[in-house]
């Protein structure tokens, strides 16, 4: 199923060039796939184990998921999302933050 979502080439056919597609099923796969959800939870757990400061934690979350520093807008949006947690620092919300980064187009495609 995974390979079909991302237009895996049929191995029995010769293809000189593959089509490049971006479809909603790809984003839905990243948002709902149990493996990716587990990876988001594991990433949040690892972050909590190694970093106590929430601001540093946020920067590291972006580095881990996207390989870059967060933009000012990204920091503001992430802080609003995390503030919606009852304690403001729930691992569940941090896992949700990772899952959102994993579901982003920036995560799926190389520049």
PDB file of N, CA and C in Angstrom:
ATOM      1  N   UNK A   1       0.824  -1.199   0.000  1.00  0.00           N
ATOM      2  CA  UNK A   1       0.000   0.000   0.000  1.00  0.00           C
ATOM      3  C   UNK A   1       0.866   1.260   0.000  1.00  0.00           C
ATOM      4  N   UNK A   2       1.915   1.236   0.806  1.00  0.00           N
ATOM      5  CA  UNK A   2       2.809   2.399   0.902  1.00  0.00           C
ATOM      6  C   UNK A   2       3.350   2.789  -0.462  1.00  0.00           C
ATOM      7  N   UNK A   3       3.818   1.825  -1.224  1.00  0.00           N
ATOM      8  CA  UNK A   3       4.444   2.128  -2.508  1.00  0.00           C
ATOM      9  C   UNK A   3       3.428   2.654  -3.521  1.00  0.00           C
ATOM     10  N   UNK A   4       2.190   2.177  -3.457  1.00  0.00           N
ATOM     11  CA  UNK A   4       1.166   2.654  -4.378  1.00  0.00           C
ATOM     12  C   UNK A   4       0.821   4.114  -4.121  1.00  0.00           C
ATOM     13  N   UNK A   5       0.815   4.517  -2.868  1.00  0.00           N
ATOM     14  CA  UNK A   5       0.501   5.904  -2.520  1.00  0.00           C
ATOM     15  C   UNK A   5       1.518   6.858  -3.140  1.00  0.00           C
ATOM     16  N   UNK A   6       2.763   6.416  -3.230  1.00  0.00           N
ATOM     17  CA  UNK A   6       3.827   7.267  -3.745  1.00  0.00           C
ATOM     18  C   UNK A   6       4.235   6.903  -5.171  1.00  0.00           C
ATOM     19  N   UNK A   7       3.314   6.339  -5.924  1.00  0.00           N
ATOM     20  CA  UNK A   7       3.498   6.065  -7.354  1.00  0.00           C
ATOM     21  C   UNK A   7       4.734   5.228  -7.666  1.00  0.00           C
ATOM     22  N   UNK A   8       4.901   4.152  -6.920  1.00  0.00           N
ATOM     23  CA  UNK A   8       6.006   3.243  -7.177  1.00  0.00           C
ATOM     24  C   UNK A   8       5.885   2.702  -8.597  1.00  0.00           C
ATOM     25  N   UNK A   9       6.983   2.681  -9.314  1.00  0.00           N
ATOM     26  CA  UNK A   9       6.969   2.187 -10.689  1.00  0.00           C
ATOM     27  C   UNK A   9       6.705   0.684 -10.711  1.00  0.00           C
ATOM     28  N   UNK A  10       5.921   0.249 -11.651  1.00  0.00           N
ATOM     29  CA  UNK A  10       5.638  -1.177 -11.827  1.00  0.00           C
ATOM     30  C   UNK A  10       6.932  -1.870 -12.252  1.00  0.00           C
ATOM     31  N   UNK A  11       7.420  -2.835 -11.452  1.00  0.00           N
ATOM     32  CA  UNK A  11       8.726  -3.446 -11.755  1.00  0.00           C
ATOM     33  C   UNK A  11       8.754  -4.234 -13.060  1.00  0.00           C
ATOM     34  N   UNK A  12       7.605  -4.643 -13.573  1.00  0.00           N
ATOM     35  CA  UNK A  12       7.586  -5.430 -14.809  1.00  0.00           C
ATOM     36  C   UNK A  12       7.587  -4.558 -16.058  1.00  0.00           C
ATOM     37  N   UNK A  13       7.538  -3.230 -15.886  1.00  0.00           N
ATOM     38  CA  UNK A  13       7.515  -2.328 -17.023  1.00  0.00           C
ATOM     39  C   UNK A  13       8.788  -1.478 -17.071  1.00  0.00           C
ATOM     40  N   UNK A  14       9.222  -1.169 -18.272  1.00  0.00           N
ATOM     41  CA  UNK A  14      10.368  -0.288 -18.461  1.00  0.00           C
ATOM     42  C   UNK A  14       9.832   1.140 -18.542  1.00  0.00           C
ATOM     43  N   UNK A  15      10.403   2.011 -17.709  1.00  0.00           N
ATOM     44  CA  UNK A  15       9.967   3.408 -17.718  1.00  0.00           C
ATOM     45  C   UNK A  15      11.200   4.288 -17.812  1.00  0.00           C
ATOM     46  N   UNK A  16      11.261   5.129 -18.835  1.00  0.00           N
ATOM     47  CA  UNK A  16      12.392   6.035 -19.003  1.00  0.00           C
ATOM     48  C   UNK A  16      12.383   7.145 -17.973  1.00  0.00           C
ATOM     49  N   UNK A  17      11.185   7.608 -17.630  1.00  0.00           N
ATOM     50  CA  UNK A  17      11.063   8.675 -16.638  1.00  0.00           C
ATOM     51  C   UNK A  17       9.743   8.458 -15.892  1.00  0.00           C
ATOM     52  N   UNK A  18       9.806   8.643 -14.601  1.00  0.00           N
ATOM     53  CA  UNK A  18       8.601   8.461 -13.776  1.00  0.00           C
ATOM     54  C   UNK A  18       7.858   9.777 -13.638  1.00  0.00           C
ATOM     55  N   UNK A  19       6.551   9.667 -13.519  1.00  0.00           N
ATOM     56  CA  UNK A  19       5.723  10.836 -13.256  1.00  0.00           C
ATOM     57  C   UNK A  19       5.950  11.307 -11.833  1.00  0.00           C
ATOM     58  N   UNK A  20       5.924  12.610 -11.645  1.00  0.00           N
ATOM     59  CA  UNK A  20       6.020  13.194 -10.309  1.00  0.00           C
ATOM     60  C   UNK A  20       4.627  13.673  -9.943  1.00  0.00           C
ATOM     61  N   UNK A  21       4.104  13.133  -8.862  1.00  0.00           N
ATOM     62  CA  UNK A  21       2.753  13.515  -8.450  1.00  0.00           C
ATOM     63  C   UNK A  21       2.739  13.940  -6.997  1.00  0.00           C
ATOM     64  N   UNK A  22       1.821  14.812  -6.701  1.00  0.00           N
ATOM     65  CA  UNK A  22       1.553  15.215  -5.334  1.00  0.00           C
ATOM     66  C   UNK A  22       0.042  15.113  -5.168  1.00  0.00           C
ATOM     67  N   UNK A  23      -0.379  14.174  -4.370  1.00  0.00           N
ATOM     68  CA  UNK A  23      -1.815  13.966  -4.200  1.00  0.00           C
ATOM     69  C   UNK A  23      -2.155  13.940  -2.715  1.00  0.00           C
ATOM     70  N   UNK A  24      -3.415  14.142  -2.423  1.00  0.00           N
ATOM     71  CA  UNK A  24      -3.846  14.216  -1.032  1.00  0.00           C
ATOM     72  C   UNK A  24      -3.630  12.911  -0.281  1.00  0.00           C
ATOM     73  N   UNK A  25      -3.663  11.785  -0.971  1.00  0.00           N
ATOM     74  CA  UNK A  25      -3.455  10.512  -0.275  1.00  0.00           C
ATOM     75  C   UNK A  25      -2.063  10.417   0.342  1.00  0.00           C
ATOM     76  N   UNK A  26      -1.097  11.122  -0.239  1.00  0.00           N
ATOM     77  CA  UNK A  26       0.250  11.117   0.338  1.00  0.00           C
ATOM     78  C   UNK A  26       0.255  11.841   1.682  1.00  0.00           C
ATOM     79  N   UNK A  27      -0.383  12.989   1.748  1.00  0.00           N
ATOM     80  CA  UNK A  27      -0.464  13.728   3.011  1.00  0.00           C
ATOM     81  C   UNK A  27      -1.274  12.944   4.034  1.00  0.00           C
ATOM     82  N   UNK A  28      -2.361  12.333   3.608  1.00  0.00           N
ATOM     83  CA  UNK A  28      -3.184  11.541   4.528  1.00  0.00           C
ATOM     84  C   UNK A  28      -2.409  10.342   5.064  1.00  0.00           C
ATOM     85  N   UNK A  29      -1.581   9.749   4.217  1.00  0.00           N
ATOM     86  CA  UNK A  29      -0.741   8.640   4.667  1.00  0.00           C
ATOM     87  C   UNK A  29       0.151   9.078   5.826  1.00  0.00           C
ATOM     88  N   UNK A  30       0.793  10.228   5.681  1.00  0.00           N
ATOM     89  CA  UNK A  30       1.692  10.710   6.725  1.00  0.00           C
ATOM     90  C   UNK A  30       0.944  11.124   7.987  1.00  0.00           C
ATOM     91  N   UNK A  31      -0.303  11.535   7.846  1.00  0.00           N
ATOM     92  CA  UNK A  31      -1.069  11.949   9.022  1.00  0.00           C
ATOM     93  C   UNK A  31      -1.672  10.772   9.776  1.00  0.00           C
ATOM     94  N   UNK A  32      -1.954   9.655   9.075  1.00  0.00           N
ATOM     95  CA  UNK A  32      -2.721   8.573   9.689  1.00  0.00           C
ATOM     96  C   UNK A  32      -2.008   7.229   9.788  1.00  0.00           C
ATOM     97  N   UNK A  33      -0.830   7.107   9.249  1.00  0.00           N
ATOM     98  CA  UNK A  33      -0.130   5.831   9.254  1.00  0.00           C
ATOM     99  C   UNK A  33       0.367   5.496  10.659  1.00  0.00           C
ATOM    100  N   UNK A  34       0.037   4.300  11.171  1.00  0.00           N
ATOM    101  CA  UNK A  34       0.458   3.927  12.533  1.00  0.00           C
ATOM    102  C   UNK A  34       1.972   3.969  12.740  1.00  0.00           C
ATOM    103  N   UNK A  35       2.742   3.588  11.733  1.00  0.00           N
ATOM    104  CA  UNK A  35       4.197   3.625  11.870  1.00  0.00           C
ATOM    105  C   UNK A  35       4.680   5.053  12.086  1.00  0.00           C
ATOM    106  N   UNK A  36       4.176   5.987  11.293  1.00  0.00           N
ATOM    107  CA  UNK A  36       4.599   7.385  11.428  1.00  0.00           C
ATOM    108  C   UNK A  36       4.116   7.988  12.742  1.00  0.00           C
ATOM    109  N   UNK A  37       2.942   7.587  13.198  1.00  0.00           N
ATOM    110  CA  UNK A  37       2.452   8.056  14.495  1.00  0.00           C
ATOM    111  C   UNK A  37       3.374   7.558  15.616  1.00  0.00           C
ATOM    112  N   UNK A  38       3.808   6.304  15.490  1.00  0.00           N
ATOM    113  CA  UNK A  38       4.725   5.744  16.488  1.00  0.00           C
ATOM    114  C   UNK A  38       6.068   6.474  16.453  1.00  0.00           C
ATOM    115  N   UNK A  39       6.534   6.829  15.255  1.00  0.00           N
ATOM    116  CA  UNK A  39       7.800   7.557  15.138  1.00  0.00           C
ATOM    117  C   UNK A  39       7.689   8.957  15.745  1.00  0.00           C
ATOM    118  N   UNK A  40       6.535   9.578  15.590  1.00  0.00           N
ATOM    119  CA  UNK A  40       6.318  10.899  16.199  1.00  0.00           C
ATOM    120  C   UNK A  40       6.352  10.788  17.724  1.00  0.00           C
ATOM    121  N   UNK A  41       5.715   9.761  18.273  1.00  0.00           N
ATOM    122  CA  UNK A  41       5.753   9.553  19.734  1.00  0.00           C
ATOM    123  C   UNK A  41       7.168   9.263  20.203  1.00  0.00           C
ATOM    124  N   UNK A  42       7.898   8.427  19.462  1.00  0.00           N
ATOM    125  CA  UNK A  42       9.277   8.093  19.840  1.00  0.00           C
ATOM    126  C   UNK A  42      10.170   9.328  19.773  1.00  0.00           C
ATOM    127  N   UNK A  43       9.961  10.173  18.777  1.00  0.00           N
ATOM    128  CA  UNK A  43      10.747  11.408  18.663  1.00  0.00           C
ATOM    129  C   UNK A  43      10.473  12.334  19.836  1.00  0.00           C
ATOM    130  N   UNK A  44       9.204  12.456  20.222  1.00  0.00           N
ATOM    131  CA  UNK A  44       8.840  13.301  21.369  1.00  0.00           C
ATOM    132  C   UNK A  44       9.441  12.734  22.653  1.00  0.00           C
ATOM    133  N   UNK A  45       9.375  11.421  22.823  1.00  0.00           N
ATOM    134  CA  UNK A  45       9.953  10.797  24.019  1.00  0.00           C
ATOM    135  C   UNK A  45      11.455  11.037  24.097  1.00  0.00           C
ATOM    136  N   UNK A  46      12.132  10.892  22.978  1.00  0.00           N
ATOM    137  CA  UNK A  46      13.577  11.116  22.937  1.00  0.00           C
ATOM    138  C   UNK A  46      13.910  12.567  23.254  1.00  0.00           C
ATOM    139  N   UNK A  47      13.137  13.475  22.727  1.00  0.00           N
ATOM    140  CA  UNK A  47      13.344  14.895  22.982  1.00  0.00           C
ATOM    141  C   UNK A  47      13.159  15.205  24.467  1.00  0.00           C
ATOM    142  N   UNK A  48      12.128  14.633  25.078  1.00  0.00           N
ATOM    143  CA  UNK A  48      11.881  14.849  26.511  1.00  0.00           C
ATOM    144  C   UNK A  48      12.993  14.260  27.360  1.00  0.00           C
ATOM    145  N   UNK A  49      13.573  13.167  26.917  1.00  0.00           N
ATOM    146  CA  UNK A  49      14.647  12.519  27.663  1.00  0.00           C
ATOM    147  C   UNK A  49      15.905  13.372  27.689  1.00  0.00           C
ATOM    148  N   UNK A  50      16.194  14.064  26.578  1.00  0.00           N
ATOM    149  CA  UNK A  50      17.463  14.769  26.440  1.00  0.00           C
ATOM    150  C   UNK A  50      17.400  16.279  26.592  1.00  0.00           C
ATOM    151  N   UNK A  51      16.210  16.842  26.612  1.00  0.00           N
ATOM    152  CA  UNK A  51      16.119  18.300  26.674  1.00  0.00           C
ATOM    153  C   UNK A  51      14.995  18.742  27.593  1.00  0.00           C
ATOM    154  N   UNK A  52      15.324  19.566  28.569  1.00  0.00           N
ATOM    155  CA  UNK A  52      14.335  20.031  29.554  1.00  0.00           C
ATOM    156  C   UNK A  52      13.720  21.385  29.202  1.00  0.00           C
ATOM    157  N   UNK A  53      14.484  22.257  28.551  1.00  0.00           N
ATOM    158  CA  UNK A  53      14.012  23.599  28.234  1.00  0.00           C
ATOM    159  C   UNK A  53      13.073  23.563  27.025  1.00  0.00           C
ATOM    160  N   UNK A  54      11.824  24.043  27.166  1.00  0.00           N
ATOM    161  CA  UNK A  54      10.863  23.980  26.053  1.00  0.00           C
ATOM    162  C   UNK A  54      11.300  24.736  24.794  1.00  0.00           C
ATOM    163  N   UNK A  55      11.967  25.870  24.939  1.00  0.00           N
ATOM    164  CA  UNK A  55      12.405  26.616  23.755  1.00  0.00           C
ATOM    165  C   UNK A  55      13.492  25.865  22.993  1.00  0.00           C
ATOM    166  N   UNK A  56      14.438  25.312  23.720  1.00  0.00           N
ATOM    167  CA  UNK A  56      15.489  24.508  23.087  1.00  0.00           C
ATOM    168  C   UNK A  56      14.887  23.240  22.493  1.00  0.00           C
ATOM    169  N   UNK A  57      13.916  22.675  23.178  1.00  0.00           N
ATOM    170  CA  UNK A  57      13.219  21.487  22.701  1.00  0.00           C
ATOM    171  C   UNK A  57      12.563  21.770  21.344  1.00  0.00           C
ATOM    172  N   UNK A  58      11.962  22.936  21.216  1.00  0.00           N
ATOM    173  CA  UNK A  58      11.291  23.303  19.967  1.00  0.00           C
ATOM    174  C   UNK A  58      12.287  23.417  18.814  1.00  0.00           C
ATOM    175  N   UNK A  59      13.421  24.055  19.070  1.00  0.00           N
ATOM    176  CA  UNK A  59      14.454  24.178  18.038  1.00  0.00           C
ATOM    177  C   UNK A  59      14.946  22.791  17.630  1.00  0.00           C
ATOM    178  N   UNK A  60      15.174  21.929  18.602  1.00  0.00           N
ATOM    179  CA  UNK A  60      15.657  20.578  18.301  1.00  0.00           C
ATOM    180  C   UNK A  60      14.611  19.761  17.555  1.00  0.00           C
ATOM    181  N   UNK A  61      13.348  19.990  17.857  1.00  0.00           N
ATOM    182  CA  UNK A  61      12.281  19.278  17.137  1.00  0.00           C
ATOM    183  C   UNK A  61      12.330  19.609  15.647  1.00  0.00           C
ATOM    184  N   UNK A  62      12.531  20.862  15.330  1.00  0.00           N
ATOM    185  CA  UNK A  62      12.645  21.256  13.922  1.00  0.00           C
ATOM    186  C   UNK A  62      13.903  20.677  13.296  1.00  0.00           C
ATOM    187  N   UNK A  63      15.003  20.674  14.029  1.00  0.00           N
ATOM    188  CA  UNK A  63      16.244  20.110  13.488  1.00  0.00           C
ATOM    189  C   UNK A  63      16.082  18.624  13.189  1.00  0.00           C
ATOM    190  N   UNK A  64      15.440  17.910  14.106  1.00  0.00           N
ATOM    191  CA  UNK A  64      15.254  16.468  13.922  1.00  0.00           C
ATOM    192  C   UNK A  64      14.313  16.186  12.749  1.00  0.00           C
ATOM    193  N   UNK A  65      13.191  16.870  12.699  1.00  0.00           N
ATOM    194  CA  UNK A  65      12.183  16.571  11.690  1.00  0.00           C
ATOM    195  C   UNK A  65      12.504  17.153  10.322  1.00  0.00           C
ATOM    196  N   UNK A  66      13.020  18.376  10.286  1.00  0.00           N
ATOM    197  CA  UNK A  66      13.202  19.060   9.006  1.00  0.00           C
ATOM    198  C   UNK A  66      14.645  19.413   8.678  1.00  0.00           C
ATOM    199  N   UNK A  67      15.548  19.211   9.637  1.00  0.00           N
ATOM    200  CA  UNK A  67      16.954  19.485   9.388  1.00  0.00           C
ATOM    201  C   UNK A  67      17.280  20.963   9.296  1.00  0.00           C
ATOM    202  N   UNK A  68      16.483  21.801   9.941  1.00  0.00           N
ATOM    203  CA  UNK A  68      16.723  23.240   9.896  1.00  0.00           C
ATOM    204  C   UNK A  68      16.206  23.891  11.169  1.00  0.00           C
ATOM    205  N   UNK A  69      16.596  25.158  11.344  1.00  0.00           N
ATOM    206  CA  UNK A  69      16.086  25.955  12.452  1.00  0.00           C
ATOM    207  C   UNK A  69      14.651  26.381  12.133  1.00  0.00           C
ATOM    208  N   UNK A  70      13.805  26.544  13.131  1.00  0.00           N
ATOM    209  CA  UNK A  70      12.444  27.001  12.854  1.00  0.00           C
ATOM    210  C   UNK A  70      12.428  28.493  12.502  1.00  0.00           C
ATOM    211  N   UNK A  71      11.498  28.875  11.654  1.00  0.00           N
ATOM    212  CA  UNK A  71      11.305  30.292  11.351  1.00  0.00           C
ATOM    213  C   UNK A  71      10.570  30.938  12.530  1.00  0.00           C
ATOM    214  N   UNK A  72      10.529  32.256  12.552  1.00  0.00           N
ATOM    215  CA  UNK A  72       9.788  32.952  13.612  1.00  0.00           C
ATOM    216  C   UNK A  72       8.313  32.571  13.573  1.00  0.00           C
ATOM    217  N   UNK A  73       7.751  32.466  12.366  1.00  0.00           N
ATOM    218  CA  UNK A  73       6.350  32.055  12.237  1.00  0.00           C
ATOM    219  C   UNK A  73       6.153  30.619  12.712  1.00  0.00           C
ATOM    220  N   UNK A  74       7.117  29.749  12.406  1.00  0.00           N
ATOM    221  CA  UNK A  74       7.040  28.362  12.856  1.00  0.00           C
ATOM    222  C   UNK A  74       7.087  28.251  14.362  1.00  0.00           C
ATOM    223  N   UNK A  75       7.940  29.057  14.996  1.00  0.00           N
ATOM    224  CA  UNK A  75       8.022  29.069  16.463  1.00  0.00           C
ATOM    225  C   UNK A  75       6.698  29.532  17.058  1.00  0.00           C
ATOM    226  N   UNK A  76       6.152  30.615  16.508  1.00  0.00           N
ATOM    227  CA  UNK A  76       4.899  31.164  17.040  1.00  0.00           C
ATOM    228  C   UNK A  76       3.749  30.165  16.894  1.00  0.00           C
ATOM    229  N   UNK A  77       3.632  29.543  15.713  1.00  0.00           N
ATOM    230  CA  UNK A  77       2.566  28.569  15.493  1.00  0.00           C
ATOM    231  C   UNK A  77       2.736  27.344  16.390  1.00  0.00           C
ATOM    232  N   UNK A  78       3.969  26.879  16.538  1.00  0.00           N
ATOM    233  CA  UNK A  78       4.235  25.721  17.382  1.00  0.00           C
ATOM    234  C   UNK A  78       3.922  26.019  18.845  1.00  0.00           C
ATOM    235  N   UNK A  79       4.273  27.205  19.292  1.00  0.00           N
ATOM    236  CA  UNK A  79       3.987  27.580  20.679  1.00  0.00           C
ATOM    237  C   UNK A  79       2.484  27.689  20.925  1.00  0.00           C
ATOM    238  N   UNK A  80       1.739  28.197  19.936  1.00  0.00           N
ATOM    239  CA  UNK A  80       0.276  28.257  20.084  1.00  0.00           C
ATOM    240  C   UNK A  80      -0.299  26.847  20.189  1.00  0.00           C
ATOM    241  N   UNK A  81       0.210  25.946  19.345  1.00  0.00           N
ATOM    242  CA  UNK A  81      -0.260  24.563  19.384  1.00  0.00           C
ATOM    243  C   UNK A  81       0.052  23.917  20.728  1.00  0.00           C
ATOM    244  N   UNK A  82       1.284  24.072  21.201  1.00  0.00           N
ATOM    245  CA  UNK A  82       1.685  23.465  22.466  1.00  0.00           C
ATOM    246  C   UNK A  82       0.951  24.082  23.650  1.00  0.00           C
ATOM    247  N   UNK A  83       0.603  25.363  23.556  1.00  0.00           N
ATOM    248  CA  UNK A  83      -0.132  26.035  24.639  1.00  0.00           C
ATOM    249  C   UNK A  83      -1.544  25.493  24.768  1.00  0.00           C
ATOM    250  N   UNK A  84      -2.049  24.855  23.719  1.00  0.00           N
ATOM    251  CA  UNK A  84      -3.398  24.288  23.796  1.00  0.00           C
ATOM    252  C   UNK A  84      -3.440  23.034  24.672  1.00  0.00           C
ATOM    253  N   UNK A  85      -2.272  22.514  25.038  1.00  0.00           N
ATOM    254  CA  UNK A  85      -2.216  21.365  25.966  1.00  0.00           C
ATOM    255  C   UNK A  85      -2.589  21.832  27.358  1.00  0.00           C
ATOM    256  N   UNK A  86      -3.196  20.960  28.116  1.00  0.00           N
ATOM    257  CA  UNK A  86      -3.642  21.334  29.460  1.00  0.00           C
ATOM    258  C   UNK A  86      -2.488  21.786  30.342  1.00  0.00           C
ATOM    259  N   UNK A  87      -1.328  21.138  30.202  1.00  0.00           N
ATOM    260  CA  UNK A  87      -0.173  21.534  31.007  1.00  0.00           C
ATOM    261  C   UNK A  87       0.827  22.369  30.208  1.00  0.00           C
ATOM    262  N   UNK A  88       0.526  22.607  28.926  1.00  0.00           N
ATOM    263  CA  UNK A  88       1.402  23.422  28.093  1.00  0.00           C
ATOM    264  C   UNK A  88       2.668  22.721  27.658  1.00  0.00           C
ATOM    265  N   UNK A  89       2.839  21.483  28.062  1.00  0.00           N
ATOM    266  CA  UNK A  89       4.089  20.792  27.759  1.00  0.00           C
ATOM    267  C   UNK A  89       3.886  19.280  27.672  1.00  0.00           C
ATOM    268  N   UNK A  90       2.736  18.865  27.196  1.00  0.00           N
ATOM    269  CA  UNK A  90       2.392  17.456  27.130  1.00  0.00           C
ATOM    270  C   UNK A  90       3.187  16.727  26.054  1.00  0.00           C
ATOM    271  N   UNK A  91       3.645  15.531  26.382  1.00  0.00           N
ATOM    272  CA  UNK A  91       4.352  14.722  25.380  1.00  0.00           C
ATOM    273  C   UNK A  91       3.430  14.393  24.215  1.00  0.00           C
ATOM    274  N   UNK A  92       2.157  14.244  24.492  1.00  0.00           N
ATOM    275  CA  UNK A  92       1.200  13.951  23.427  1.00  0.00           C
ATOM    276  C   UNK A  92       1.171  15.102  22.416  1.00  0.00           C
ATOM    277  N   UNK A  93       1.188  16.325  22.924  1.00  0.00           N
ATOM    278  CA  UNK A  93       1.197  17.478  22.026  1.00  0.00           C
ATOM    279  C   UNK A  93       2.529  17.593  21.284  1.00  0.00           C
ATOM    280  N   UNK A  94       3.612  17.261  21.933  1.00  0.00           N
ATOM    281  CA  UNK A  94       4.913  17.269  21.243  1.00  0.00           C
ATOM    282  C   UNK A  94       4.920  16.206  20.153  1.00  0.00           C
ATOM    283  N   UNK A  95       4.321  15.049  20.417  1.00  0.00           N
ATOM    284  CA  UNK A  95       4.205  14.012  19.386  1.00  0.00           C
ATOM    285  C   UNK A  95       3.354  14.529  18.225  1.00  0.00           C
ATOM    286  N   UNK A  96       2.296  15.265  18.541  1.00  0.00           N
ATOM    287  CA  UNK A  96       1.469  15.872  17.498  1.00  0.00           C
ATOM    288  C   UNK A  96       2.242  16.883  16.676  1.00  0.00           C
ATOM    289  N   UNK A  97       3.119  17.628  17.333  1.00  0.00           N
ATOM    290  CA  UNK A  97       3.964  18.586  16.622  1.00  0.00           C
ATOM    291  C   UNK A  97       4.890  17.855  15.652  1.00  0.00           C
ATOM    292  N   UNK A  98       5.499  16.764  16.104  1.00  0.00           N
ATOM    293  CA  UNK A  98       6.352  15.968  15.226  1.00  0.00           C
ATOM    294  C   UNK A  98       5.537  15.392  14.070  1.00  0.00           C
ATOM    295  N   UNK A  99       4.366  14.892  14.366  1.00  0.00           N
ATOM    296  CA  UNK A  99       3.545  14.299  13.316  1.00  0.00           C
ATOM    297  C   UNK A  99       3.171  15.353  12.271  1.00  0.00           C
ATOM    298  N   UNK A 100       2.880  16.563  12.698  1.00  0.00           N
ATOM    299  CA  UNK A 100       2.572  17.643  11.757  1.00  0.00           C
ATOM    300  C   UNK A 100       3.782  17.957  10.884  1.00  0.00           C
ATOM    301  N   UNK A 101       4.977  17.951  11.482  1.00  0.00           N
ATOM    302  CA  UNK A 101       6.183  18.200  10.694  1.00  0.00           C
ATOM    303  C   UNK A 101       6.405  17.053   9.704  1.00  0.00           C
ATOM    304  N   UNK A 102       6.172  15.804  10.146  1.00  0.00           N
ATOM    305  CA  UNK A 102       6.342  14.657   9.260  1.00  0.00           C
ATOM    306  C   UNK A 102       5.336  14.685   8.111  1.00  0.00           C
ATOM    307  N   UNK A 103       4.169  15.240   8.331  1.00  0.00           N
ATOM    308  CA  UNK A 103       3.123  15.300   7.300  1.00  0.00           C
ATOM    309  C   UNK A 103       3.304  16.491   6.362  1.00  0.00           C
ATOM    310  N   UNK A 104       4.238  17.363   6.655  1.00  0.00           N
ATOM    311  CA  UNK A 104       4.413  18.566   5.835  1.00  0.00           C
ATOM    312  C   UNK A 104       5.076  18.232   4.494  1.00  0.00           C
ATOM    313  N   UNK A 105       4.787  19.058   3.501  1.00  0.00           N
ATOM    314  CA  UNK A 105       5.414  18.885   2.187  1.00  0.00           C
ATOM    315  C   UNK A 105       6.927  19.043   2.291  1.00  0.00           C
ATOM    316  N   UNK A 106       7.377  19.884   3.187  1.00  0.00           N
ATOM    317  CA  UNK A 106       8.823  20.090   3.360  1.00  0.00           C
ATOM    318  C   UNK A 106       9.518  18.798   3.791  1.00  0.00           C
ATOM    319  N   UNK A 107       8.867  17.989   4.584  1.00  0.00           N
ATOM    320  CA  UNK A 107       9.440  16.721   5.028  1.00  0.00           C
ATOM    321  C   UNK A 107       9.483  15.710   3.875  1.00  0.00           C
ATOM    322  N   UNK A 108       8.460  15.721   3.031  1.00  0.00           N
ATOM    323  CA  UNK A 108       8.333  14.717   1.972  1.00  0.00           C
ATOM    324  C   UNK A 108       9.245  14.945   0.780  1.00  0.00           C
ATOM    325  N   UNK A 109       9.616  16.186   0.514  1.00  0.00           N
ATOM    326  CA  UNK A 109      10.330  16.487  -0.722  1.00  0.00           C
ATOM    327  C   UNK A 109      11.675  17.136  -0.469  1.00  0.00           C
ATOM    328  N   UNK A 110      12.657  16.721  -1.261  1.00  0.00           N
ATOM    329  CA  UNK A 110      13.975  17.338  -1.228  1.00  0.00           C
ATOM    330  C   UNK A 110      13.972  18.587  -2.066  1.00  0.00           C
ATOM    331  N   UNK A 111      14.735  19.579  -1.641  1.00  0.00           N
ATOM    332  CA  UNK A 111      14.878  20.781  -2.472  1.00  0.00           C
ATOM    333  C   UNK A 111      16.097  20.641  -3.338  1.00  0.00           C
TER     334      UNK A 111
END
